[in-house]
Amino acid sequence: MKRVVISALLAGYLVLPAAHAVAQTVSDQCFAIGDIAGQVASWRAHKKSKAQALDQAAKYYHDDADRQTFAAIIEKIYAPNAPRMTPDQASMAFTSDCAIARKEQALAR
């Protein structure tokens, strides 16, 4: 009986912080953009079409800024002249590009 009570209390404490979480967008977070780029590169490597990638993004991302960010990444990765990248390469490249752009924006202020 003690195990059940302790498990229930512990589960309640672990779930509580998640209940108060606020939805965040990925459009301004470089690490998230890199993760998305890695996912899109994986889709391309597994022969998913550009239209399928856009549909997949629309299914899971409902925030307009997130959808625009996802669409821009898909456009770059699926561009006819885009180099084939592994998910890790895409993640690193997009994260780096985002960080450089953020730094340039901060310096321009």
PDB file of N, CA and C in Angstrom:
ATOM      1  N   MET A   1       0.819  -1.197   0.000  1.00  0.00           N
ATOM      2  CA  MET A   1       0.000   0.000   0.000  1.00  0.00           C
ATOM      3  C   MET A   1       0.856   1.250   0.000  1.00  0.00           C
ATOM      4  N   LYS A   2       1.974   1.215   0.778  1.00  0.00           N
ATOM      5  CA  LYS A   2       2.863   2.373   0.837  1.00  0.00           C
ATOM      6  C   LYS A   2       3.423   2.711  -0.540  1.00  0.00           C
ATOM      7  N   ARG A   3       3.764   1.679  -1.321  1.00  0.00           N
ATOM      8  CA  ARG A   3       4.321   1.903  -2.664  1.00  0.00           C
ATOM      9  C   ARG A   3       3.323   2.636  -3.546  1.00  0.00           C
ATOM     10  N   VAL A   4       2.071   2.256  -3.458  1.00  0.00           N
ATOM     11  CA  VAL A   4       1.038   2.893  -4.281  1.00  0.00           C
ATOM     12  C   VAL A   4       0.903   4.361  -3.907  1.00  0.00           C
ATOM     13  N   VAL A   5       0.867   4.664  -2.625  1.00  0.00           N
ATOM     14  CA  VAL A   5       0.726   6.043  -2.164  1.00  0.00           C
ATOM     15  C   VAL A   5       1.946   6.860  -2.562  1.00  0.00           C
ATOM     16  N   ILE A   6       3.117   6.324  -2.339  1.00  0.00           N
ATOM     17  CA  ILE A   6       4.343   7.045  -2.684  1.00  0.00           C
ATOM     18  C   ILE A   6       4.430   7.248  -4.197  1.00  0.00           C
ATOM     19  N   SER A   7       4.096   6.230  -4.949  1.00  0.00           N
ATOM     20  CA  SER A   7       4.123   6.354  -6.409  1.00  0.00           C
ATOM     21  C   SER A   7       3.139   7.405  -6.890  1.00  0.00           C
ATOM     22  N   ALA A   8       1.956   7.423  -6.302  1.00  0.00           N
ATOM     23  CA  ALA A   8       0.944   8.411  -6.682  1.00  0.00           C
ATOM     24  C   ALA A   8       1.399   9.829  -6.348  1.00  0.00           C
ATOM     25  N   LEU A   9       1.992  10.009  -5.177  1.00  0.00           N
ATOM     26  CA  LEU A   9       2.494  11.334  -4.794  1.00  0.00           C
ATOM     27  C   LEU A   9       3.630  11.782  -5.709  1.00  0.00           C
ATOM     28  N   LEU A  10       4.544  10.879  -5.987  1.00  0.00           N
ATOM     29  CA  LEU A  10       5.666  11.203  -6.853  1.00  0.00           C
ATOM     30  C   LEU A  10       5.170  11.551  -8.255  1.00  0.00           C
ATOM     31  N   ALA A  11       4.245  10.779  -8.765  1.00  0.00           N
ATOM     32  CA  ALA A  11       3.687  11.062 -10.090  1.00  0.00           C
ATOM     33  C   ALA A  11       3.001  12.419 -10.106  1.00  0.00           C
ATOM     34  N   GLY A  12       2.315  12.754  -9.023  1.00  0.00           N
ATOM     35  CA  GLY A  12       1.653  14.049  -8.931  1.00  0.00           C
ATOM     36  C   GLY A  12       2.636  15.201  -8.974  1.00  0.00           C
ATOM     37  N   TYR A  13       3.765  15.054  -8.310  1.00  0.00           N
ATOM     38  CA  TYR A  13       4.783  16.106  -8.331  1.00  0.00           C
ATOM     39  C   TYR A  13       5.454  16.213  -9.693  1.00  0.00           C
ATOM     40  N   LEU A  14       5.627  15.095 -10.367  1.00  0.00           N
ATOM     41  CA  LEU A  14       6.266  15.122 -11.676  1.00  0.00           C
ATOM     42  C   LEU A  14       5.337  15.673 -12.748  1.00  0.00           C
ATOM     43  N   VAL A  15       4.066  15.444 -12.618  1.00  0.00           N
ATOM     44  CA  VAL A  15       3.099  15.905 -13.602  1.00  0.00           C
ATOM     45  C   VAL A  15       2.752  17.376 -13.378  1.00  0.00           C
ATOM     46  N   LEU A  16       2.774  17.842 -12.170  1.00  0.00           N
ATOM     47  CA  LEU A  16       2.381  19.205 -11.840  1.00  0.00           C
ATOM     48  C   LEU A  16       3.112  20.264 -12.658  1.00  0.00           C
ATOM     49  N   PRO A  17       4.436  20.227 -12.764  1.00  0.00           N
ATOM     50  CA  PRO A  17       5.096  21.260 -13.564  1.00  0.00           C
ATOM     51  C   PRO A  17       4.649  21.258 -15.021  1.00  0.00           C
ATOM     52  N   ALA A  18       4.384  20.118 -15.576  1.00  0.00           N
ATOM     53  CA  ALA A  18       3.953  20.047 -16.966  1.00  0.00           C
ATOM     54  C   ALA A  18       2.563  20.645 -17.147  1.00  0.00           C
ATOM     55  N   ALA A  19       1.728  20.571 -16.152  1.00  0.00           N
ATOM     56  CA  ALA A  19       0.372  21.102 -16.259  1.00  0.00           C
ATOM     57  C   ALA A  19       0.375  22.619 -16.379  1.00  0.00           C
ATOM     58  N   HIS A  20       1.391  23.279 -15.824  1.00  0.00           N
ATOM     59  CA  HIS A  20       1.458  24.727 -15.870  1.00  0.00           C
ATOM     60  C   HIS A  20       2.344  25.247 -16.992  1.00  0.00           C
ATOM     61  N   ALA A  21       2.815  24.364 -17.834  1.00  0.00           N
ATOM     62  CA  ALA A  21       3.702  24.781 -18.923  1.00  0.00           C
ATOM     63  C   ALA A  21       2.937  25.633 -19.929  1.00  0.00           C
ATOM     64  N   VAL A  22       3.630  26.589 -20.467  1.00  0.00           N
ATOM     65  CA  VAL A  22       3.049  27.466 -21.480  1.00  0.00           C
ATOM     66  C   VAL A  22       3.599  27.036 -22.831  1.00  0.00           C
ATOM     67  N   ALA A  23       2.736  26.978 -23.819  1.00  0.00           N
ATOM     68  CA  ALA A  23       3.166  26.589 -25.156  1.00  0.00           C
ATOM     69  C   ALA A  23       4.190  27.590 -25.669  1.00  0.00           C
ATOM     70  N   GLN A  24       5.269  27.074 -26.191  1.00  0.00           N
ATOM     71  CA  GLN A  24       6.308  27.928 -26.735  1.00  0.00           C
ATOM     72  C   GLN A  24       6.392  27.719 -28.242  1.00  0.00           C
ATOM     73  N   THR A  25       6.834  28.754 -28.923  1.00  0.00           N
ATOM     74  CA  THR A  25       7.059  28.607 -30.355  1.00  0.00           C
ATOM     75  C   THR A  25       8.527  28.309 -30.587  1.00  0.00           C
ATOM     76  N   VAL A  26       8.822  27.713 -31.714  1.00  0.00           N
ATOM     77  CA  VAL A  26      10.197  27.363 -32.026  1.00  0.00           C
ATOM     78  C   VAL A  26      10.870  28.395 -32.911  1.00  0.00           C
ATOM     79  N   SER A  27      10.113  29.324 -33.443  1.00  0.00           N
ATOM     80  CA  SER A  27      10.644  30.214 -34.465  1.00  0.00           C
ATOM     81  C   SER A  27      11.818  31.066 -34.015  1.00  0.00           C
ATOM     82  N   ASP A  28      11.965  31.339 -32.731  1.00  0.00           N
ATOM     83  CA  ASP A  28      13.068  32.164 -32.249  1.00  0.00           C
ATOM     84  C   ASP A  28      14.104  31.382 -31.460  1.00  0.00           C
ATOM     85  N   GLN A  29      14.092  30.098 -31.536  1.00  0.00           N
ATOM     86  CA  GLN A  29      15.001  29.270 -30.755  1.00  0.00           C
ATOM     87  C   GLN A  29      15.896  28.478 -31.705  1.00  0.00           C
ATOM     88  N   CYS A  30      17.152  28.837 -31.753  1.00  0.00           N
ATOM     89  CA  CYS A  30      18.072  28.236 -32.720  1.00  0.00           C
ATOM     90  C   CYS A  30      18.203  26.725 -32.562  1.00  0.00           C
ATOM     91  N   PHE A  31      18.248  26.250 -31.317  1.00  0.00           N
ATOM     92  CA  PHE A  31      18.380  24.800 -31.126  1.00  0.00           C
ATOM     93  C   PHE A  31      17.159  24.073 -31.687  1.00  0.00           C
ATOM     94  N   ALA A  32      15.982  24.667 -31.546  1.00  0.00           N
ATOM     95  CA  ALA A  32      14.764  24.042 -32.071  1.00  0.00           C
ATOM     96  C   ALA A  32      14.763  24.057 -33.597  1.00  0.00           C
ATOM     97  N   ILE A  33      15.250  25.132 -34.169  1.00  0.00           N
ATOM     98  CA  ILE A  33      15.337  25.215 -35.628  1.00  0.00           C
ATOM     99  C   ILE A  33      16.290  24.136 -36.144  1.00  0.00           C
ATOM    100  N   GLY A  34      17.395  23.934 -35.452  1.00  0.00           N
ATOM    101  CA  GLY A  34      18.319  22.872 -35.837  1.00  0.00           C
ATOM    102  C   GLY A  34      17.688  21.501 -35.738  1.00  0.00           C
ATOM    103  N   ASP A  35      16.923  21.266 -34.684  1.00  0.00           N
ATOM    104  CA  ASP A  35      16.227  19.978 -34.530  1.00  0.00           C
ATOM    105  C   ASP A  35      15.240  19.748 -35.668  1.00  0.00           C
ATOM    106  N   ILE A  36      14.511  20.793 -36.022  1.00  0.00           N
ATOM    107  CA  ILE A  36      13.540  20.679 -37.114  1.00  0.00           C
ATOM    108  C   ILE A  36      14.261  20.398 -38.429  1.00  0.00           C
ATOM    109  N   ALA A  37      15.359  21.088 -38.667  1.00  0.00           N
ATOM    110  CA  ALA A  37      16.122  20.863 -39.897  1.00  0.00           C
ATOM    111  C   ALA A  37      16.609  19.418 -39.970  1.00  0.00           C
ATOM    112  N   GLY A  38      17.038  18.877 -38.856  1.00  0.00           N
ATOM    113  CA  GLY A  38      17.447  17.478 -38.819  1.00  0.00           C
ATOM    114  C   GLY A  38      16.302  16.545 -39.157  1.00  0.00           C
ATOM    115  N   GLN A  39      15.123  16.849 -38.641  1.00  0.00           N
ATOM    116  CA  GLN A  39      13.945  16.027 -38.932  1.00  0.00           C
ATOM    117  C   GLN A  39      13.589  16.095 -40.414  1.00  0.00           C
ATOM    118  N   VAL A  40      13.618  17.304 -40.969  1.00  0.00           N
ATOM    119  CA  VAL A  40      13.282  17.468 -42.390  1.00  0.00           C
ATOM    120  C   VAL A  40      14.309  16.755 -43.267  1.00  0.00           C
ATOM    121  N   ALA A  41      15.591  16.851 -42.918  1.00  0.00           N
ATOM    122  CA  ALA A  41      16.622  16.141 -43.680  1.00  0.00           C
ATOM    123  C   ALA A  41      16.390  14.635 -43.620  1.00  0.00           C
ATOM    124  N   SER A  42      15.931  14.155 -42.488  1.00  0.00           N
ATOM    125  CA  SER A  42      15.620  12.734 -42.353  1.00  0.00           C
ATOM    126  C   SER A  42      14.458  12.350 -43.256  1.00  0.00           C
ATOM    127  N   TRP A  43      13.440  13.207 -43.308  1.00  0.00           N
ATOM    128  CA  TRP A  43      12.304  12.930 -44.196  1.00  0.00           C
ATOM    129  C   TRP A  43      12.766  12.848 -45.645  1.00  0.00           C
ATOM    130  N   ARG A  44      13.626  13.791 -46.040  1.00  0.00           N
ATOM    131  CA  ARG A  44      14.110  13.787 -47.420  1.00  0.00           C
ATOM    132  C   ARG A  44      14.927  12.536 -47.687  1.00  0.00           C
ATOM    133  N   ALA A  45      15.769  12.148 -46.743  1.00  0.00           N
ATOM    134  CA  ALA A  45      16.592  10.951 -46.910  1.00  0.00           C
ATOM    135  C   ALA A  45      15.743   9.696 -47.037  1.00  0.00           C
ATOM    136  N   HIS A  46      14.569   9.711 -46.407  1.00  0.00           N
ATOM    137  CA  HIS A  46      13.662   8.563 -46.478  1.00  0.00           C
ATOM    138  C   HIS A  46      12.630   8.706 -47.588  1.00  0.00           C
ATOM    139  N   LYS A  47      12.949   9.562 -48.559  1.00  0.00           N
ATOM    140  CA  LYS A  47      12.158   9.722 -49.794  1.00  0.00           C
ATOM    141  C   LYS A  47      10.766  10.318 -49.577  1.00  0.00           C
ATOM    142  N   LYS A  48      10.589  11.050 -48.492  1.00  0.00           N
ATOM    143  CA  LYS A  48       9.319  11.747 -48.295  1.00  0.00           C
ATOM    144  C   LYS A  48       9.329  12.963 -49.220  1.00  0.00           C
ATOM    145  N   SER A  49       8.234  13.195 -49.921  1.00  0.00           N
ATOM    146  CA  SER A  49       8.176  14.317 -50.849  1.00  0.00           C
ATOM    147  C   SER A  49       8.058  15.644 -50.089  1.00  0.00           C
ATOM    148  N   LYS A  50       8.304  16.714 -50.802  1.00  0.00           N
ATOM    149  CA  LYS A  50       8.184  18.041 -50.201  1.00  0.00           C
ATOM    150  C   LYS A  50       6.742  18.270 -49.727  1.00  0.00           C
ATOM    151  N   ALA A  51       5.778  17.861 -50.521  1.00  0.00           N
ATOM    152  CA  ALA A  51       4.363  18.015 -50.139  1.00  0.00           C
ATOM    153  C   ALA A  51       4.056  17.208 -48.871  1.00  0.00           C
ATOM    154  N   GLN A  52       4.596  16.005 -48.774  1.00  0.00           N
ATOM    155  CA  GLN A  52       4.393  15.194 -47.572  1.00  0.00           C
ATOM    156  C   GLN A  52       5.034  15.854 -46.361  1.00  0.00           C
ATOM    157  N   ALA A  53       6.199  16.461 -46.540  1.00  0.00           N
ATOM    158  CA  ALA A  53       6.873  17.148 -45.441  1.00  0.00           C
ATOM    159  C   ALA A  53       6.040  18.336 -44.969  1.00  0.00           C
ATOM    160  N   LEU A  54       5.493  19.102 -45.905  1.00  0.00           N
ATOM    161  CA  LEU A  54       4.647  20.241 -45.539  1.00  0.00           C
ATOM    162  C   LEU A  54       3.385  19.778 -44.811  1.00  0.00           C
ATOM    163  N   ASP A  55       2.784  18.696 -45.289  1.00  0.00           N
ATOM    164  CA  ASP A  55       1.596  18.140 -44.622  1.00  0.00           C
ATOM    165  C   ASP A  55       1.927  17.675 -43.204  1.00  0.00           C
ATOM    166  N   GLN A  56       3.062  17.027 -43.049  1.00  0.00           N
ATOM    167  CA  GLN A  56       3.486  16.547 -41.730  1.00  0.00           C
ATOM    168  C   GLN A  56       3.678  17.726 -40.782  1.00  0.00           C
ATOM    169  N   ALA A  57       4.312  18.782 -41.268  1.00  0.00           N
ATOM    170  CA  ALA A  57       4.534  19.971 -40.443  1.00  0.00           C
ATOM    171  C   ALA A  57       3.207  20.604 -40.036  1.00  0.00           C
ATOM    172  N   ALA A  58       2.279  20.691 -40.964  1.00  0.00           N
ATOM    173  CA  ALA A  58       0.975  21.293 -40.675  1.00  0.00           C
ATOM    174  C   ALA A  58       0.187  20.478 -39.650  1.00  0.00           C
ATOM    175  N   LYS A  59       0.418  19.185 -39.645  1.00  0.00           N
ATOM    176  CA  LYS A  59      -0.295  18.302 -38.724  1.00  0.00           C
ATOM    177  C   LYS A  59       0.105  18.556 -37.274  1.00  0.00           C
ATOM    178  N   TYR A  60       1.383  18.851 -37.034  1.00  0.00           N
ATOM    179  CA  TYR A  60       1.876  18.961 -35.667  1.00  0.00           C
ATOM    180  C   TYR A  60       2.166  20.375 -35.197  1.00  0.00           C
ATOM    181  N   TYR A  61       2.336  21.306 -36.106  1.00  0.00           N
ATOM    182  CA  TYR A  61       2.654  22.681 -35.716  1.00  0.00           C
ATOM    183  C   TYR A  61       1.500  23.587 -36.087  1.00  0.00           C
ATOM    184  N   HIS A  62       0.875  24.198 -35.090  1.00  0.00           N
ATOM    185  CA  HIS A  62      -0.320  24.998 -35.329  1.00  0.00           C
ATOM    186  C   HIS A  62      -0.072  26.492 -35.201  1.00  0.00           C
ATOM    187  N   ASP A  63       1.019  26.879 -34.589  1.00  0.00           N
ATOM    188  CA  ASP A  63       1.366  28.283 -34.461  1.00  0.00           C
ATOM    189  C   ASP A  63       1.855  28.794 -35.814  1.00  0.00           C
ATOM    190  N   ASP A  64       1.359  29.965 -36.235  1.00  0.00           N
ATOM    191  CA  ASP A  64       1.729  30.498 -37.550  1.00  0.00           C
ATOM    192  C   ASP A  64       3.229  30.712 -37.690  1.00  0.00           C
ATOM    193  N   ALA A  65       3.874  31.233 -36.652  1.00  0.00           N
ATOM    194  CA  ALA A  65       5.322  31.458 -36.721  1.00  0.00           C
ATOM    195  C   ALA A  65       6.066  30.137 -36.880  1.00  0.00           C
ATOM    196  N   ASP A  66       5.612  29.112 -36.172  1.00  0.00           N
ATOM    197  CA  ASP A  66       6.244  27.795 -36.289  1.00  0.00           C
ATOM    198  C   ASP A  66       6.049  27.232 -37.697  1.00  0.00           C
ATOM    199  N   ARG A  67       4.864  27.361 -38.230  1.00  0.00           N
ATOM    200  CA  ARG A  67       4.595  26.854 -39.587  1.00  0.00           C
ATOM    201  C   ARG A  67       5.456  27.567 -40.616  1.00  0.00           C
ATOM    202  N   GLN A  68       5.606  28.877 -40.459  1.00  0.00           N
ATOM    203  CA  GLN A  68       6.446  29.632 -41.395  1.00  0.00           C
ATOM    204  C   GLN A  68       7.902  29.190 -41.284  1.00  0.00           C
ATOM    205  N   THR A  69       8.357  28.982 -40.061  1.00  0.00           N
ATOM    206  CA  THR A  69       9.724  28.521 -39.847  1.00  0.00           C
ATOM    207  C   THR A  69       9.922  27.145 -40.467  1.00  0.00           C
ATOM    208  N   PHE A  70       8.982  26.249 -40.220  1.00  0.00           N
ATOM    209  CA  PHE A  70       9.064  24.900 -40.769  1.00  0.00           C
ATOM    210  C   PHE A  70       9.045  24.940 -42.290  1.00  0.00           C
ATOM    211  N   ALA A  71       8.151  25.746 -42.863  1.00  0.00           N
ATOM    212  CA  ALA A  71       8.047  25.849 -44.324  1.00  0.00           C
ATOM    213  C   ALA A  71       9.348  26.381 -44.928  1.00  0.00           C
ATOM    214  N   ALA A  72       9.968  27.360 -44.264  1.00  0.00           N
ATOM    215  CA  ALA A  72      11.226  27.908 -44.772  1.00  0.00           C
ATOM    216  C   ALA A  72      12.336  26.854 -44.747  1.00  0.00           C
ATOM    217  N   ILE A  73      12.373  26.062 -43.696  1.00  0.00           N
ATOM    218  CA  ILE A  73      13.373  24.995 -43.603  1.00  0.00           C
ATOM    219  C   ILE A  73      13.128  23.958 -44.683  1.00  0.00           C
ATOM    220  N   ILE A  74      11.880  23.583 -44.881  1.00  0.00           N
ATOM    221  CA  ILE A  74      11.534  22.604 -45.920  1.00  0.00           C
ATOM    222  C   ILE A  74      11.938  23.133 -47.291  1.00  0.00           C
ATOM    223  N   GLU A  75      11.666  24.407 -47.551  1.00  0.00           N
ATOM    224  CA  GLU A  75      12.044  25.009 -48.839  1.00  0.00           C
ATOM    225  C   GLU A  75      13.550  24.903 -49.068  1.00  0.00           C
ATOM    226  N   LYS A  76      14.340  25.200 -48.047  1.00  0.00           N
ATOM    227  CA  LYS A  76      15.797  25.157 -48.190  1.00  0.00           C
ATOM    228  C   LYS A  76      16.307  23.737 -48.386  1.00  0.00           C
ATOM    229  N   ILE A  77      15.791  22.800 -47.625  1.00  0.00           N
ATOM    230  CA  ILE A  77      16.288  21.423 -47.695  1.00  0.00           C
ATOM    231  C   ILE A  77      15.831  20.721 -48.965  1.00  0.00           C
ATOM    232  N   TYR A  78      14.641  21.065 -49.446  1.00  0.00           N
ATOM    233  CA  TYR A  78      14.107  20.424 -50.648  1.00  0.00           C
ATOM    234  C   TYR A  78      14.402  21.212 -51.929  1.00  0.00           C
ATOM    235  N   ALA A  79      15.157  22.291 -51.830  1.00  0.00           N
ATOM    236  CA  ALA A  79      15.508  23.064 -53.021  1.00  0.00           C
ATOM    237  C   ALA A  79      16.280  22.175 -53.997  1.00  0.00           C
ATOM    238  N   PRO A  80      16.047  22.360 -55.290  1.00  0.00           N
ATOM    239  CA  PRO A  80      16.716  21.494 -56.280  1.00  0.00           C
ATOM    240  C   PRO A  80      18.244  21.498 -56.183  1.00  0.00           C
ATOM    241  N   ASN A  81      18.818  22.626 -55.821  1.00  0.00           N
ATOM    242  CA  ASN A  81      20.279  22.704 -55.758  1.00  0.00           C
ATOM    243  C   ASN A  81      20.820  22.512 -54.342  1.00  0.00           C
ATOM    244  N   ALA A  82      19.959  22.150 -53.416  1.00  0.00           N
ATOM    245  CA  ALA A  82      20.387  21.956 -52.019  1.00  0.00           C
ATOM    246  C   ALA A  82      21.226  20.692 -51.901  1.00  0.00           C
ATOM    247  N   PRO A  83      22.324  20.783 -51.162  1.00  0.00           N
ATOM    248  CA  PRO A  83      23.132  19.571 -50.971  1.00  0.00           C
ATOM    249  C   PRO A  83      22.389  18.576 -50.085  1.00  0.00           C
ATOM    250  N   ARG A  84      22.616  17.309 -50.319  1.00  0.00           N
ATOM    251  CA  ARG A  84      22.037  16.279 -49.457  1.00  0.00           C
ATOM    252  C   ARG A  84      22.788  16.305 -48.136  1.00  0.00           C
ATOM    253  N   MET A  85      22.053  16.413 -47.060  1.00  0.00           N
ATOM    254  CA  MET A  85      22.669  16.454 -45.736  1.00  0.00           C
ATOM    255  C   MET A  85      22.091  15.359 -44.868  1.00  0.00           C
ATOM    256  N   THR A  86      22.911  14.866 -43.972  1.00  0.00           N
ATOM    257  CA  THR A  86      22.414  13.952 -42.952  1.00  0.00           C
ATOM    258  C   THR A  86      21.631  14.805 -41.948  1.00  0.00           C
ATOM    259  N   PRO A  87      20.801  14.185 -41.131  1.00  0.00           N
ATOM    260  CA  PRO A  87      20.099  14.971 -40.110  1.00  0.00           C
ATOM    261  C   PRO A  87      21.050  15.751 -39.199  1.00  0.00           C
ATOM    262  N   ASP A  88      22.169  15.148 -38.822  1.00  0.00           N
ATOM    263  CA  ASP A  88      23.132  15.852 -37.968  1.00  0.00           C
ATOM    264  C   ASP A  88      23.740  17.055 -38.683  1.00  0.00           C
ATOM    265  N   GLN A  89      24.075  16.893 -39.947  1.00  0.00           N
ATOM    266  CA  GLN A  89      24.642  18.004 -40.708  1.00  0.00           C
ATOM    267  C   GLN A  89      23.636  19.144 -40.832  1.00  0.00           C
ATOM    268  N   ALA A  90      22.383  18.801 -41.127  1.00  0.00           N
ATOM    269  CA  ALA A  90      21.346  19.827 -41.265  1.00  0.00           C
ATOM    270  C   ALA A  90      21.121  20.534 -39.938  1.00  0.00           C
ATOM    271  N   SER A  91      21.084  19.778 -38.860  1.00  0.00           N
ATOM    272  CA  SER A  91      20.877  20.367 -37.546  1.00  0.00           C
ATOM    273  C   SER A  91      21.987  21.357 -37.212  1.00  0.00           C
ATOM    274  N   MET A  92      23.222  20.950 -37.429  1.00  0.00           N
ATOM    275  CA  MET A  92      24.344  21.829 -37.126  1.00  0.00           C
ATOM    276  C   MET A  92      24.351  23.062 -38.020  1.00  0.00           C
ATOM    277  N   ALA A  93      24.094  22.878 -39.307  1.00  0.00           N
ATOM    278  CA  ALA A  93      24.130  23.999 -40.248  1.00  0.00           C
ATOM    279  C   ALA A  93      23.045  25.024 -39.932  1.00  0.00           C
ATOM    280  N   PHE A  94      21.823  24.566 -39.704  1.00  0.00           N
ATOM    281  CA  PHE A  94      20.725  25.495 -39.440  1.00  0.00           C
ATOM    282  C   PHE A  94      20.865  26.158 -38.073  1.00  0.00           C
ATOM    283  N   THR A  95      21.349  25.422 -37.090  1.00  0.00           N
ATOM    284  CA  THR A  95      21.575  26.014 -35.769  1.00  0.00           C
ATOM    285  C   THR A  95      22.648  27.098 -35.870  1.00  0.00           C
ATOM    286  N   SER A  96      23.702  26.812 -36.581  1.00  0.00           N
ATOM    287  CA  SER A  96      24.786  27.774 -36.758  1.00  0.00           C
ATOM    288  C   SER A  96      24.303  29.017 -37.508  1.00  0.00           C
ATOM    289  N   ASP A  97      23.582  28.815 -38.611  1.00  0.00           N
ATOM    290  CA  ASP A  97      23.060  29.950 -39.379  1.00  0.00           C
ATOM    291  C   ASP A  97      22.150  30.830 -38.521  1.00  0.00           C
ATOM    292  N   CYS A  98      21.317  30.200 -37.726  1.00  0.00           N
ATOM    293  CA  CYS A  98      20.400  30.927 -36.848  1.00  0.00           C
ATOM    294  C   CYS A  98      21.183  31.731 -35.818  1.00  0.00           C
ATOM    295  N   ALA A  99      22.174  31.107 -35.207  1.00  0.00           N
ATOM    296  CA  ALA A  99      22.964  31.797 -34.183  1.00  0.00           C
ATOM    297  C   ALA A  99      23.721  32.986 -34.771  1.00  0.00           C
ATOM    298  N   ILE A 100      24.261  32.813 -35.960  1.00  0.00           N
ATOM    299  CA  ILE A 100      24.964  33.922 -36.627  1.00  0.00           C
ATOM    300  C   ILE A 100      23.999  35.053 -36.937  1.00  0.00           C
ATOM    301  N   ALA A 101      22.817  34.714 -37.436  1.00  0.00           N
ATOM    302  CA  ALA A 101      21.820  35.741 -37.744  1.00  0.00           C
ATOM    303  C   ALA A 101      21.386  36.484 -36.481  1.00  0.00           C
ATOM    304  N   ARG A 102      21.199  35.766 -35.386  1.00  0.00           N
ATOM    305  CA  ARG A 102      20.809  36.402 -34.118  1.00  0.00           C
ATOM    306  C   ARG A 102      21.910  37.339 -33.626  1.00  0.00           C
ATOM    307  N   LYS A 103      23.154  36.900 -33.783  1.00  0.00           N
ATOM    308  CA  LYS A 103      24.286  37.722 -33.348  1.00  0.00           C
ATOM    309  C   LYS A 103      24.364  39.000 -34.183  1.00  0.00           C
ATOM    310  N   GLU A 104      24.180  38.867 -35.493  1.00  0.00           N
ATOM    311  CA  GLU A 104      24.211  40.036 -36.377  1.00  0.00           C
ATOM    312  C   GLU A 104      23.081  41.005 -36.053  1.00  0.00           C
ATOM    313  N   GLN A 105      21.905  40.461 -35.749  1.00  0.00           N
ATOM    314  CA  GLN A 105      20.780  41.318 -35.365  1.00  0.00           C
ATOM    315  C   GLN A 105      21.077  42.066 -34.090  1.00  0.00           C
ATOM    316  N   ALA A 106      21.682  41.381 -33.130  1.00  0.00           N
ATOM    317  CA  ALA A 106      22.004  42.015 -31.847  1.00  0.00           C
ATOM    318  C   ALA A 106      23.060  43.116 -32.033  1.00  0.00           C
ATOM    319  N   LEU A 107      24.034  42.884 -32.894  1.00  0.00           N
ATOM    320  CA  LEU A 107      25.070  43.887 -33.137  1.00  0.00           C
ATOM    321  C   LEU A 107      24.524  45.089 -33.897  1.00  0.00           C
ATOM    322  N   ALA A 108      23.509  44.872 -34.715  1.00  0.00           N
ATOM    323  CA  ALA A 108      22.929  45.972 -35.510  1.00  0.00           C
ATOM    324  C   ALA A 108      22.103  46.921 -34.667  1.00  0.00           C
ATOM    325  N   ARG A 109      21.741  46.527 -33.471  1.00  0.00           N
ATOM    326  CA  ARG A 109      20.907  47.370 -32.609  1.00  0.00           C
ATOM    327  C   ARG A 109      21.653  48.486 -32.011  1.00  0.00           C
TER     328      ARG A 109
END
